[in-house]
Amino acid sequence: MNSVPKPPTSRDKVRAHRERLRAQGLKPLQLWVPDVNAAGFASAARRQSRAVATSADESDEQAFVDAISMGALWDEPEALTLPAATNAKQTKRKARK
């Protein structure tokens, strides 16, 4: 009697796929992002947008956002300049405001 081999399970297919990716030098990454439908998301986004818009560094911050939005980081990473904070103490102070 000739038995028919069982087709691979979904688990087997996923395992094989991940092994192929790892063989290419890749690794899995889990990424958590804000839930735009969560209570309070819209008000927090508005508050943060207002804080950036009224910041003394608004033009530097907007230039950074524009640069990463247009792919400058990938095309010309040396063209990207970060906001003016020069040390961790200044950066922390700005974050608390």
PDB file of N, CA and C in Angstrom:
ATOM      1  N   MET A   1       0.827  -1.190   0.000  1.00  0.00           N
ATOM      2  CA  MET A   1       0.000   0.000   0.000  1.00  0.00           C
ATOM      3  C   MET A   1       0.870   1.252   0.000  1.00  0.00           C
ATOM      4  N   ASN A   2       0.454   2.161  -0.792  1.00  0.00           N
ATOM      5  CA  ASN A   2       1.175   3.407  -0.937  1.00  0.00           C
ATOM      6  C   ASN A   2       0.414   4.504  -0.186  1.00  0.00           C
ATOM      7  N   SER A   3       1.034   5.083   0.856  1.00  0.00           N
ATOM      8  CA  SER A   3       0.341   6.142   1.597  1.00  0.00           C
ATOM      9  C   SER A   3       0.670   7.499   0.972  1.00  0.00           C
ATOM     10  N   VAL A   4      -0.316   8.343   0.952  1.00  0.00           N
ATOM     11  CA  VAL A   4      -0.163   9.679   0.383  1.00  0.00           C
ATOM     12  C   VAL A   4       0.445  10.573   1.468  1.00  0.00           C
ATOM     13  N   PRO A   5       1.550  11.291   1.142  1.00  0.00           N
ATOM     14  CA  PRO A   5       2.142  12.170   2.157  1.00  0.00           C
ATOM     15  C   PRO A   5       1.186  13.304   2.518  1.00  0.00           C
ATOM     16  N   LYS A   6       1.205  13.659   3.797  1.00  0.00           N
ATOM     17  CA  LYS A   6       0.345  14.751   4.261  1.00  0.00           C
ATOM     18  C   LYS A   6       0.913  16.080   3.773  1.00  0.00           C
ATOM     19  N   PRO A   7       0.031  16.980   3.368  1.00  0.00           N
ATOM     20  CA  PRO A   7       0.511  18.307   2.959  1.00  0.00           C
ATOM     21  C   PRO A   7       1.067  19.041   4.190  1.00  0.00           C
ATOM     22  N   PRO A   8       2.016  19.938   3.985  1.00  0.00           N
ATOM     23  CA  PRO A   8       2.570  20.657   5.130  1.00  0.00           C
ATOM     24  C   PRO A   8       1.510  21.521   5.813  1.00  0.00           C
ATOM     25  N   THR A   9       1.605  21.603   7.114  1.00  0.00           N
ATOM     26  CA  THR A   9       0.664  22.437   7.867  1.00  0.00           C
ATOM     27  C   THR A   9       1.064  23.901   7.725  1.00  0.00           C
ATOM     28  N   SER A  10       0.176  24.775   8.125  1.00  0.00           N
ATOM     29  CA  SER A  10       0.491  26.211   8.112  1.00  0.00           C
ATOM     30  C   SER A  10       1.709  26.490   8.980  1.00  0.00           C
ATOM     31  N   ARG A  11       1.791  25.809  10.109  1.00  0.00           N
ATOM     32  CA  ARG A  11       2.930  25.990  11.014  1.00  0.00           C
ATOM     33  C   ARG A  11       4.239  25.607  10.315  1.00  0.00           C
ATOM     34  N   ASP A  12       4.206  24.488   9.559  1.00  0.00           N
ATOM     35  CA  ASP A  12       5.403  24.056   8.831  1.00  0.00           C
ATOM     36  C   ASP A  12       5.802  25.064   7.761  1.00  0.00           C
ATOM     37  N   LYS A  13       4.805  25.619   7.049  1.00  0.00           N
ATOM     38  CA  LYS A  13       5.087  26.603   6.002  1.00  0.00           C
ATOM     39  C   LYS A  13       5.694  27.867   6.595  1.00  0.00           C
ATOM     40  N   VAL A  14       5.143  28.335   7.714  1.00  0.00           N
ATOM     41  CA  VAL A  14       5.664  29.535   8.366  1.00  0.00           C
ATOM     42  C   VAL A  14       7.088  29.293   8.855  1.00  0.00           C
ATOM     43  N   ARG A  15       7.323  28.134   9.465  1.00  0.00           N
ATOM     44  CA  ARG A  15       8.664  27.811   9.955  1.00  0.00           C
ATOM     45  C   ARG A  15       9.673  27.802   8.800  1.00  0.00           C
ATOM     46  N   ALA A  16       9.299  27.183   7.690  1.00  0.00           N
ATOM     47  CA  ALA A  16      10.197  27.124   6.530  1.00  0.00           C
ATOM     48  C   ALA A  16      10.451  28.524   5.968  1.00  0.00           C
ATOM     49  N   HIS A  17       9.413  29.331   5.911  1.00  0.00           N
ATOM     50  CA  HIS A  17       9.556  30.705   5.409  1.00  0.00           C
ATOM     51  C   HIS A  17      10.514  31.499   6.293  1.00  0.00           C
ATOM     52  N   ARG A  18      10.342  31.390   7.613  1.00  0.00           N
ATOM     53  CA  ARG A  18      11.225  32.106   8.538  1.00  0.00           C
ATOM     54  C   ARG A  18      12.664  31.609   8.442  1.00  0.00           C
ATOM     55  N   GLU A  19      12.841  30.331   8.242  1.00  0.00           N
ATOM     56  CA  GLU A  19      14.198  29.790   8.078  1.00  0.00           C
ATOM     57  C   GLU A  19      14.866  30.358   6.831  1.00  0.00           C
ATOM     58  N   ARG A  20      14.088  30.481   5.736  1.00  0.00           N
ATOM     59  CA  ARG A  20      14.644  31.064   4.509  1.00  0.00           C
ATOM     60  C   ARG A  20      15.045  32.526   4.733  1.00  0.00           C
ATOM     61  N   LEU A  21      14.208  33.267   5.440  1.00  0.00           N
ATOM     62  CA  LEU A  21      14.527  34.666   5.725  1.00  0.00           C
ATOM     63  C   LEU A  21      15.775  34.779   6.604  1.00  0.00           C
ATOM     64  N   ARG A  22      15.865  33.940   7.623  1.00  0.00           N
ATOM     65  CA  ARG A  22      17.051  33.963   8.489  1.00  0.00           C
ATOM     66  C   ARG A  22      18.307  33.603   7.699  1.00  0.00           C
ATOM     67  N   ALA A  23      18.165  32.681   6.759  1.00  0.00           N
ATOM     68  CA  ALA A  23      19.305  32.295   5.926  1.00  0.00           C
ATOM     69  C   ALA A  23      19.775  33.463   5.056  1.00  0.00           C
ATOM     70  N   GLN A  24      18.885  34.424   4.811  1.00  0.00           N
ATOM     71  CA  GLN A  24      19.239  35.625   4.042  1.00  0.00           C
ATOM     72  C   GLN A  24      19.818  36.719   4.946  1.00  0.00           C
ATOM     73  N   GLY A  25      19.990  36.402   6.233  1.00  0.00           N
ATOM     74  CA  GLY A  25      20.550  37.375   7.163  1.00  0.00           C
ATOM     75  C   GLY A  25      19.519  38.281   7.804  1.00  0.00           C
ATOM     76  N   LEU A  26      18.250  37.937   7.719  1.00  0.00           N
ATOM     77  CA  LEU A  26      17.193  38.754   8.305  1.00  0.00           C
ATOM     78  C   LEU A  26      16.763  38.171   9.641  1.00  0.00           C
ATOM     79  N   LYS A  27      16.130  39.002  10.457  1.00  0.00           N
ATOM     80  CA  LYS A  27      15.588  38.516  11.723  1.00  0.00           C
ATOM     81  C   LYS A  27      14.211  39.123  11.932  1.00  0.00           C
ATOM     82  N   PRO A  28      13.351  38.442  12.699  1.00  0.00           N
ATOM     83  CA  PRO A  28      12.005  38.979  12.918  1.00  0.00           C
ATOM     84  C   PRO A  28      12.056  40.190  13.855  1.00  0.00           C
ATOM     85  N   LEU A  29      11.093  41.075  13.685  1.00  0.00           N
ATOM     86  CA  LEU A  29      10.986  42.276  14.494  1.00  0.00           C
ATOM     87  C   LEU A  29       9.520  42.517  14.789  1.00  0.00           C
ATOM     88  N   GLN A  30       9.195  42.697  16.069  1.00  0.00           N
ATOM     89  CA  GLN A  30       7.823  43.022  16.444  1.00  0.00           C
ATOM     90  C   GLN A  30       7.758  44.517  16.690  1.00  0.00           C
ATOM     91  N   LEU A  31       6.807  45.173  16.090  1.00  0.00           N
ATOM     92  CA  LEU A  31       6.690  46.620  16.163  1.00  0.00           C
ATOM     93  C   LEU A  31       5.319  46.998  16.701  1.00  0.00           C
ATOM     94  N   TRP A  32       5.311  47.764  17.780  1.00  0.00           N
ATOM     95  CA  TRP A  32       4.063  48.234  18.366  1.00  0.00           C
ATOM     96  C   TRP A  32       3.873  49.694  17.987  1.00  0.00           C
ATOM     97  N   VAL A  33       2.697  50.039  17.524  1.00  0.00           N
ATOM     98  CA  VAL A  33       2.393  51.406  17.117  1.00  0.00           C
ATOM     99  C   VAL A  33       1.137  51.883  17.844  1.00  0.00           C
ATOM    100  N   PRO A  34       0.959  53.190  17.947  1.00  0.00           N
ATOM    101  CA  PRO A  34      -0.244  53.695  18.622  1.00  0.00           C
ATOM    102  C   PRO A  34      -1.519  53.243  17.911  1.00  0.00           C
ATOM    103  N   ASP A  35      -2.537  52.974  18.707  1.00  0.00           N
ATOM    104  CA  ASP A  35      -3.850  52.608  18.176  1.00  0.00           C
ATOM    105  C   ASP A  35      -4.619  53.900  17.919  1.00  0.00           C
ATOM    106  N   VAL A  36      -4.786  54.248  16.656  1.00  0.00           N
ATOM    107  CA  VAL A  36      -5.443  55.512  16.310  1.00  0.00           C
ATOM    108  C   VAL A  36      -6.908  55.531  16.715  1.00  0.00           C
ATOM    109  N   ASN A  37      -7.471  54.374  17.049  1.00  0.00           N
ATOM    110  CA  ASN A  37      -8.867  54.307  17.481  1.00  0.00           C
ATOM    111  C   ASN A  37      -9.011  54.342  18.994  1.00  0.00           C
ATOM    112  N   ALA A  38      -7.897  54.368  19.715  1.00  0.00           N
ATOM    113  CA  ALA A  38      -7.944  54.361  21.175  1.00  0.00           C
ATOM    114  C   ALA A  38      -8.463  55.700  21.699  1.00  0.00           C
ATOM    115  N   ALA A  39      -9.136  55.617  22.832  1.00  0.00           N
ATOM    116  CA  ALA A  39      -9.610  56.839  23.487  1.00  0.00           C
ATOM    117  C   ALA A  39      -8.399  57.696  23.840  1.00  0.00           C
ATOM    118  N   GLY A  40      -8.484  58.964  23.560  1.00  0.00           N
ATOM    119  CA  GLY A  40      -7.404  59.873  23.901  1.00  0.00           C
ATOM    120  C   GLY A  40      -6.350  60.045  22.828  1.00  0.00           C
ATOM    121  N   PHE A  41      -6.366  59.211  21.796  1.00  0.00           N
ATOM    122  CA  PHE A  41      -5.345  59.339  20.756  1.00  0.00           C
ATOM    123  C   PHE A  41      -5.442  60.695  20.051  1.00  0.00           C
ATOM    124  N   ALA A  42      -6.629  61.065  19.619  1.00  0.00           N
ATOM    125  CA  ALA A  42      -6.801  62.305  18.857  1.00  0.00           C
ATOM    126  C   ALA A  42      -6.393  63.514  19.692  1.00  0.00           C
ATOM    127  N   SER A  43      -6.800  63.559  20.961  1.00  0.00           N
ATOM    128  CA  SER A  43      -6.444  64.716  21.789  1.00  0.00           C
ATOM    129  C   SER A  43      -4.942  64.757  22.048  1.00  0.00           C
ATOM    130  N   ALA A  44      -4.298  63.611  22.235  1.00  0.00           N
ATOM    131  CA  ALA A  44      -2.841  63.577  22.430  1.00  0.00           C
ATOM    132  C   ALA A  44      -2.122  64.023  21.157  1.00  0.00           C
ATOM    133  N   ALA A  45      -2.605  63.603  20.007  1.00  0.00           N
ATOM    134  CA  ALA A  45      -1.990  64.002  18.741  1.00  0.00           C
ATOM    135  C   ALA A  45      -2.119  65.511  18.530  1.00  0.00           C
ATOM    136  N   ARG A  46      -3.287  66.073  18.850  1.00  0.00           N
ATOM    137  CA  ARG A  46      -3.473  67.527  18.731  1.00  0.00           C
ATOM    138  C   ARG A  46      -2.539  68.270  19.687  1.00  0.00           C
ATOM    139  N   ARG A  47      -2.445  67.792  20.933  1.00  0.00           N
ATOM    140  CA  ARG A  47      -1.587  68.431  21.928  1.00  0.00           C
ATOM    141  C   ARG A  47      -0.131  68.412  21.469  1.00  0.00           C
ATOM    142  N   GLN A  48       0.327  67.274  20.966  1.00  0.00           N
ATOM    143  CA  GLN A  48       1.708  67.161  20.501  1.00  0.00           C
ATOM    144  C   GLN A  48       1.961  68.027  19.265  1.00  0.00           C
ATOM    145  N   SER A  49       0.990  68.092  18.379  1.00  0.00           N
ATOM    146  CA  SER A  49       1.129  68.928  17.177  1.00  0.00           C
ATOM    147  C   SER A  49       1.229  70.400  17.550  1.00  0.00           C
ATOM    148  N   ARG A  50       0.382  70.825  18.509  1.00  0.00           N
ATOM    149  CA  ARG A  50       0.457  72.219  18.961  1.00  0.00           C
ATOM    150  C   ARG A  50       1.801  72.509  19.612  1.00  0.00           C
ATOM    151  N   ALA A  51       2.307  71.569  20.401  1.00  0.00           N
ATOM    152  CA  ALA A  51       3.595  71.770  21.073  1.00  0.00           C
ATOM    153  C   ALA A  51       4.712  71.954  20.055  1.00  0.00           C
ATOM    154  N   VAL A  52       4.704  71.169  18.999  1.00  0.00           N
ATOM    155  CA  VAL A  52       5.729  71.305  17.960  1.00  0.00           C
ATOM    156  C   VAL A  52       5.540  72.620  17.205  1.00  0.00           C
ATOM    157  N   ALA A  53       4.303  72.955  16.886  1.00  0.00           N
ATOM    158  CA  ALA A  53       4.030  74.166  16.109  1.00  0.00           C
ATOM    159  C   ALA A  53       4.433  75.430  16.856  1.00  0.00           C
ATOM    160  N   THR A  54       4.364  75.409  18.174  1.00  0.00           N
ATOM    161  CA  THR A  54       4.703  76.606  18.955  1.00  0.00           C
ATOM    162  C   THR A  54       6.108  76.560  19.528  1.00  0.00           C
ATOM    163  N   SER A  55       6.863  75.539  19.196  1.00  0.00           N
ATOM    164  CA  SER A  55       8.228  75.386  19.689  1.00  0.00           C
ATOM    165  C   SER A  55       9.168  76.387  19.030  1.00  0.00           C
ATOM    166  N   ALA A  56      10.178  76.805  19.789  1.00  0.00           N
ATOM    167  CA  ALA A  56      11.200  77.692  19.228  1.00  0.00           C
ATOM    168  C   ALA A  56      11.987  76.985  18.124  1.00  0.00           C
ATOM    169  N   ASP A  57      12.012  75.660  18.165  1.00  0.00           N
ATOM    170  CA  ASP A  57      12.748  74.859  17.177  1.00  0.00           C
ATOM    171  C   ASP A  57      11.837  74.328  16.077  1.00  0.00           C
ATOM    172  N   GLU A  58      10.661  74.929  15.921  1.00  0.00           N
ATOM    173  CA  GLU A  58       9.670  74.409  14.979  1.00  0.00           C
ATOM    174  C   GLU A  58      10.230  74.248  13.575  1.00  0.00           C
ATOM    175  N   SER A  59      11.000  75.206  13.086  1.00  0.00           N
ATOM    176  CA  SER A  59      11.492  75.106  11.705  1.00  0.00           C
ATOM    177  C   SER A  59      12.482  73.953  11.555  1.00  0.00           C
ATOM    178  N   ASP A  60      13.350  73.742  12.561  1.00  0.00           N
ATOM    179  CA  ASP A  60      14.276  72.599  12.521  1.00  0.00           C
ATOM    180  C   ASP A  60      13.509  71.286  12.582  1.00  0.00           C
ATOM    181  N   GLU A  61      12.516  71.241  13.470  1.00  0.00           N
ATOM    182  CA  GLU A  61      11.729  70.012  13.622  1.00  0.00           C
ATOM    183  C   GLU A  61      10.951  69.701  12.349  1.00  0.00           C
ATOM    184  N   GLN A  62      10.372  70.739  11.733  1.00  0.00           N
ATOM    185  CA  GLN A  62       9.623  70.513  10.487  1.00  0.00           C
ATOM    186  C   GLN A  62      10.562  70.094   9.365  1.00  0.00           C
ATOM    187  N   ALA A  63      11.755  70.659   9.329  1.00  0.00           N
ATOM    188  CA  ALA A  63      12.737  70.265   8.310  1.00  0.00           C
ATOM    189  C   ALA A  63      13.104  68.799   8.470  1.00  0.00           C
ATOM    190  N   PHE A  64      13.231  68.337   9.714  1.00  0.00           N
ATOM    191  CA  PHE A  64      13.533  66.930   9.981  1.00  0.00           C
ATOM    192  C   PHE A  64      12.398  66.044   9.473  1.00  0.00           C
ATOM    193  N   VAL A  65      11.163  66.397   9.811  1.00  0.00           N
ATOM    194  CA  VAL A  65      10.000  65.606   9.370  1.00  0.00           C
ATOM    195  C   VAL A  65       9.914  65.591   7.852  1.00  0.00           C
ATOM    196  N   ASP A  66      10.114  66.751   7.234  1.00  0.00           N
ATOM    197  CA  ASP A  66      10.079  66.813   5.772  1.00  0.00           C
ATOM    198  C   ASP A  66      11.160  65.926   5.160  1.00  0.00           C
ATOM    199  N   ALA A  67      12.344  65.964   5.751  1.00  0.00           N
ATOM    200  CA  ALA A  67      13.461  65.177   5.215  1.00  0.00           C
ATOM    201  C   ALA A  67      13.172  63.688   5.280  1.00  0.00           C
ATOM    202  N   ILE A  68      12.677  63.209   6.420  1.00  0.00           N
ATOM    203  CA  ILE A  68      12.436  61.769   6.515  1.00  0.00           C
ATOM    204  C   ILE A  68      11.205  61.360   5.727  1.00  0.00           C
ATOM    205  N   SER A  69      10.270  62.294   5.546  1.00  0.00           N
ATOM    206  CA  SER A  69       9.072  61.989   4.764  1.00  0.00           C
ATOM    207  C   SER A  69       9.383  61.883   3.278  1.00  0.00           C
ATOM    208  N   MET A  70      10.384  62.600   2.828  1.00  0.00           N
ATOM    209  CA  MET A  70      10.731  62.605   1.407  1.00  0.00           C
ATOM    210  C   MET A  70      11.851  61.629   1.077  1.00  0.00           C
ATOM    211  N   GLY A  71      12.301  60.863   2.054  1.00  0.00           N
ATOM    212  CA  GLY A  71      13.324  59.863   1.792  1.00  0.00           C
ATOM    213  C   GLY A  71      14.740  60.386   1.803  1.00  0.00           C
ATOM    214  N   ALA A  72      14.965  61.588   2.313  1.00  0.00           N
ATOM    215  CA  ALA A  72      16.324  62.143   2.322  1.00  0.00           C
ATOM    216  C   ALA A  72      17.282  61.272   3.132  1.00  0.00           C
ATOM    217  N   LEU A  73      16.768  60.622   4.149  1.00  0.00           N
ATOM    218  CA  LEU A  73      17.639  59.754   4.955  1.00  0.00           C
ATOM    219  C   LEU A  73      18.233  58.641   4.110  1.00  0.00           C
ATOM    220  N   TRP A  74      17.474  58.170   3.155  1.00  0.00           N
ATOM    221  CA  TRP A  74      17.949  57.062   2.330  1.00  0.00           C
ATOM    222  C   TRP A  74      18.798  57.567   1.160  1.00  0.00           C
ATOM    223  N   ASP A  75      18.396  58.685   0.587  1.00  0.00           N
ATOM    224  CA  ASP A  75      19.083  59.204  -0.594  1.00  0.00           C
ATOM    225  C   ASP A  75      20.347  59.996  -0.246  1.00  0.00           C
ATOM    226  N   GLU A  76      20.235  60.876   0.739  1.00  0.00           N
ATOM    227  CA  GLU A  76      21.354  61.742   1.109  1.00  0.00           C
ATOM    228  C   GLU A  76      21.395  61.903   2.627  1.00  0.00           C
ATOM    229  N   PRO A  77      21.810  60.874   3.377  1.00  0.00           N
ATOM    230  CA  PRO A  77      21.774  60.968   4.840  1.00  0.00           C
ATOM    231  C   PRO A  77      22.608  62.117   5.392  1.00  0.00           C
ATOM    232  N   GLU A  78      23.667  62.512   4.689  1.00  0.00           N
ATOM    233  CA  GLU A  78      24.504  63.609   5.180  1.00  0.00           C
ATOM    234  C   GLU A  78      23.794  64.954   5.079  1.00  0.00           C
ATOM    235  N   ALA A  79      22.731  65.036   4.286  1.00  0.00           N
ATOM    236  CA  ALA A  79      22.007  66.294   4.124  1.00  0.00           C
ATOM    237  C   ALA A  79      21.073  66.567   5.291  1.00  0.00           C
ATOM    238  N   LEU A  80      20.800  65.556   6.090  1.00  0.00           N
ATOM    239  CA  LEU A  80      19.871  65.699   7.195  1.00  0.00           C
ATOM    240  C   LEU A  80      20.572  66.282   8.414  1.00  0.00           C
ATOM    241  N   THR A  81      20.044  67.358   8.956  1.00  0.00           N
ATOM    242  CA  THR A  81      20.575  67.910  10.191  1.00  0.00           C
ATOM    243  C   THR A  81      19.501  67.809  11.258  1.00  0.00           C
ATOM    244  N   LEU A  82      19.897  67.408  12.427  1.00  0.00           N
ATOM    245  CA  LEU A  82      18.964  67.248  13.532  1.00  0.00           C
ATOM    246  C   LEU A  82      18.735  68.585  14.212  1.00  0.00           C
ATOM    247  N   PRO A  83      17.669  68.687  15.039  1.00  0.00           N
ATOM    248  CA  PRO A  83      17.419  69.926  15.764  1.00  0.00           C
ATOM    249  C   PRO A  83      18.637  70.370  16.573  1.00  0.00           C
ATOM    250  N   ALA A  84      18.634  71.631  16.974  1.00  0.00           N
ATOM    251  CA  ALA A  84      19.805  72.295  17.519  1.00  0.00           C
ATOM    252  C   ALA A  84      20.325  71.775  18.861  1.00  0.00           C
ATOM    253  N   ALA A  85      19.592  70.983  19.596  1.00  0.00           N
ATOM    254  CA  ALA A  85      20.063  70.519  20.909  1.00  0.00           C
ATOM    255  C   ALA A  85      21.418  69.840  20.753  1.00  0.00           C
ATOM    256  N   THR A  86      22.381  70.301  21.539  1.00  0.00           N
ATOM    257  CA  THR A  86      23.740  69.791  21.373  1.00  0.00           C
ATOM    258  C   THR A  86      24.146  68.784  22.424  1.00  0.00           C
ATOM    259  N   ASN A  87      23.382  68.656  23.492  1.00  0.00           N
ATOM    260  CA  ASN A  87      23.732  67.641  24.479  1.00  0.00           C
ATOM    261  C   ASN A  87      22.480  67.038  25.094  1.00  0.00           C
ATOM    262  N   ALA A  88      22.653  65.953  25.819  1.00  0.00           N
ATOM    263  CA  ALA A  88      21.521  65.223  26.376  1.00  0.00           C
ATOM    264  C   ALA A  88      20.738  66.074  27.373  1.00  0.00           C
ATOM    265  N   LYS A  89      21.427  66.943  28.122  1.00  0.00           N
ATOM    266  CA  LYS A  89      20.758  67.778  29.103  1.00  0.00           C
ATOM    267  C   LYS A  89      19.761  68.716  28.420  1.00  0.00           C
ATOM    268  N   GLN A  90      20.161  69.358  27.315  1.00  0.00           N
ATOM    269  CA  GLN A  90      19.248  70.236  26.584  1.00  0.00           C
ATOM    270  C   GLN A  90      18.076  69.453  26.015  1.00  0.00           C
ATOM    271  N   THR A  91      18.360  68.256  25.487  1.00  0.00           N
ATOM    272  CA  THR A  91      17.315  67.430  24.902  1.00  0.00           C
ATOM    273  C   THR A  91      16.290  67.029  25.954  1.00  0.00           C
ATOM    274  N   LYS A  92      16.759  66.616  27.140  1.00  0.00           N
ATOM    275  CA  LYS A  92      15.843  66.224  28.213  1.00  0.00           C
ATOM    276  C   LYS A  92      15.004  67.406  28.674  1.00  0.00           C
ATOM    277  N   ARG A  93      15.626  68.572  28.781  1.00  0.00           N
ATOM    278  CA  ARG A  93      14.904  69.765  29.211  1.00  0.00           C
ATOM    279  C   ARG A  93      13.790  70.096  28.226  1.00  0.00           C
ATOM    280  N   LYS A  94      14.072  69.983  26.920  1.00  0.00           N
ATOM    281  CA  LYS A  94      13.061  70.261  25.898  1.00  0.00           C
ATOM    282  C   LYS A  94      11.931  69.250  25.965  1.00  0.00           C
ATOM    283  N   ALA A  95      12.262  67.989  26.253  1.00  0.00           N
ATOM    284  CA  ALA A  95      11.250  66.949  26.290  1.00  0.00           C
ATOM    285  C   ALA A  95      10.277  67.170  27.449  1.00  0.00           C
ATOM    286  N   ARG A  96      10.747  67.762  28.538  1.00  0.00           N
ATOM    287  CA  ARG A  96       9.898  67.982  29.713  1.00  0.00           C
ATOM    288  C   ARG A  96       8.942  69.148  29.529  1.00  0.00           C
ATOM    289  N   LYS A  97       9.246  70.070  28.650  1.00  0.00           N
ATOM    290  CA  LYS A  97       8.396  71.270  28.470  1.00  0.00           C
ATOM    291  C   LYS A  97       7.076  70.933  27.857  1.00  0.00           C
TER     292      LYS A  97
END
